[in-house]
Every structure is written in C-alpha cells, then in structure tokens.
Amino acid sequence: MKWRVVLEADAETGDWSVWCPELPGCVSAGETEEEALENIREAIALYLEPEPIKLLNSTITTP
C-alpha cells in the first residue's frame, strides 16, 4: 500500500522532516532526504502494526 508523505527541508540545519497526513501523529526526520524517507517507511509500518487487545479479568462477565 502506498501512502502520501510530505518531506520538508530545514533551511537552518539542513535536516529533513517528513510526515504522513493520512496517519495522525506519524512523523519522522533524518539528516538526509534518503534517511528521512527510510525513517518514515519504518514509522508507517509501526503505526499500522496491530496491537493485541488486553482485557482485564473484570471486563468479561458471564450471566
């Protein structure tokens, strides 16, 4: 699956920031454009990774 990302250079430091508008909070950065893109690929994969649902014993009740 492909995701749109926004890549932006910092004029002062030369570093790159990158984020995925469709995935709130999914952001990353890198010292180079290539590093920033690698990092956002990893960030997107982690963002989409399913988390197990943890239920407390008191959450489940039986009649």
C-alpha atoms as a PDB file:
ATOM      1  CA  MET A   1       0.000   0.000   0.000  1.00  0.00           C
ATOM      2  CA  LYS A   2       1.283   3.469  -0.810  1.00  0.00           C
ATOM      3  CA  TRP A   3       0.928   6.471   1.493  1.00  0.00           C
ATOM      4  CA  ARG A   4       1.389  10.126   0.661  1.00  0.00           C
ATOM      5  CA  VAL A   5       4.136  11.825   2.678  1.00  0.00           C
ATOM      6  CA  VAL A   6       5.249  15.428   2.994  1.00  0.00           C
ATOM      7  CA  LEU A   7       9.013  15.971   3.010  1.00  0.00           C
ATOM      8  CA  GLU A   8      10.426  19.318   4.121  1.00  0.00           C
ATOM      9  CA  ALA A   9      13.999  20.564   4.498  1.00  0.00           C
ATOM     10  CA  ASP A  10      15.044  22.776   7.417  1.00  0.00           C
ATOM     11  CA  ALA A  11      16.884  25.746   5.914  1.00  0.00           C
ATOM     12  CA  GLU A  12      18.919  26.335   9.086  1.00  0.00           C
ATOM     13  CA  THR A  13      20.094  22.801   9.905  1.00  0.00           C
ATOM     14  CA  GLY A  14      19.796  21.054   6.545  1.00  0.00           C
ATOM     15  CA  ASP A  15      17.903  18.201   8.238  1.00  0.00           C
ATOM     16  CA  TRP A  16      14.681  16.807   6.779  1.00  0.00           C
ATOM     17  CA  SER A  17      11.292  16.309   8.401  1.00  0.00           C
ATOM     18  CA  VAL A  18       8.616  14.073   6.959  1.00  0.00           C
ATOM     19  CA  TRP A  19       5.053  13.191   7.905  1.00  0.00           C
ATOM     20  CA  CYS A  20       2.108  11.240   6.600  1.00  0.00           C
ATOM     21  CA  PRO A  21      -1.041  13.422   6.615  1.00  0.00           C
ATOM     22  CA  GLU A  22      -3.407  10.428   6.489  1.00  0.00           C
ATOM     23  CA  LEU A  23      -1.905   8.903   9.670  1.00  0.00           C
ATOM     24  CA  PRO A  24      -2.191  11.419  12.531  1.00  0.00           C
ATOM     25  CA  GLY A  25       0.992  11.626  14.573  1.00  0.00           C
ATOM     26  CA  CYS A  26       3.037   9.577  12.097  1.00  0.00           C
ATOM     27  CA  VAL A  27       6.141  11.738  11.707  1.00  0.00           C
ATOM     28  CA  SER A  28       9.873  11.251  11.368  1.00  0.00           C
ATOM     29  CA  ALA A  29      13.077  13.040  10.408  1.00  0.00           C
ATOM     30  CA  GLY A  30      16.571  12.455   9.097  1.00  0.00           C
ATOM     31  CA  GLU A  31      19.838  14.178   8.347  1.00  0.00           C
ATOM     32  CA  THR A  32      19.376  13.448   4.639  1.00  0.00           C
ATOM     33  CA  GLU A  33      16.334  13.162   2.397  1.00  0.00           C
ATOM     34  CA  GLU A  34      17.007   9.434   1.941  1.00  0.00           C
ATOM     35  CA  GLU A  35      17.315   8.848   5.695  1.00  0.00           C
ATOM     36  CA  ALA A  36      14.088  10.728   6.367  1.00  0.00           C
ATOM     37  CA  LEU A  37      12.244   8.617   3.785  1.00  0.00           C
ATOM     38  CA  GLU A  38      13.644   5.384   5.253  1.00  0.00           C
ATOM     39  CA  ASN A  39      12.578   6.522   8.715  1.00  0.00           C
ATOM     40  CA  ILE A  40       9.023   7.388   7.648  1.00  0.00           C
ATOM     41  CA  ARG A  41       8.667   3.971   5.991  1.00  0.00           C
ATOM     42  CA  GLU A  42       9.528   2.382   9.331  1.00  0.00           C
ATOM     43  CA  ALA A  43       7.233   4.801  11.206  1.00  0.00           C
ATOM     44  CA  ILE A  44       4.299   3.937   8.902  1.00  0.00           C
ATOM     45  CA  ALA A  45       4.921   0.208   9.328  1.00  0.00           C
ATOM     46  CA  LEU A  46       4.955   0.589  13.123  1.00  0.00           C
ATOM     47  CA  TYR A  47       1.880   2.841  13.033  1.00  0.00           C
ATOM     48  CA  LEU A  48      -0.077   0.206  11.112  1.00  0.00           C
ATOM     49  CA  GLU A  49       1.179  -2.751  13.178  1.00  0.00           C
ATOM     50  CA  PRO A  50      -1.758  -4.285  15.044  1.00  0.00           C
ATOM     51  CA  GLU A  51      -1.655  -4.206  18.827  1.00  0.00           C
ATOM     52  CA  PRO A  52      -3.099  -7.039  20.884  1.00  0.00           C
ATOM     53  CA  ILE A  53      -6.174  -6.128  22.881  1.00  0.00           C
ATOM     54  CA  LYS A  54      -5.608  -6.546  26.608  1.00  0.00           C
ATOM     55  CA  LEU A  55      -8.717  -7.215  28.665  1.00  0.00           C
ATOM     56  CA  LEU A  56      -8.834  -7.213  32.425  1.00  0.00           C
ATOM     57  CA  ASN A  57     -10.460 -10.222  34.035  1.00  0.00           C
ATOM     58  CA  SER A  58     -13.156  -7.928  35.460  1.00  0.00           C
ATOM     59  CA  THR A  59     -14.024  -6.714  31.950  1.00  0.00           C
ATOM     60  CA  ILE A  60     -15.608 -10.016  30.924  1.00  0.00           C
ATOM     61  CA  THR A  61     -18.784 -11.001  32.691  1.00  0.00           C
ATOM     62  CA  THR A  62     -20.890 -14.110  32.203  1.00  0.00           C
ATOM     63  CA  PRO A  63     -24.573 -14.424  33.021  1.00  0.00           C
END
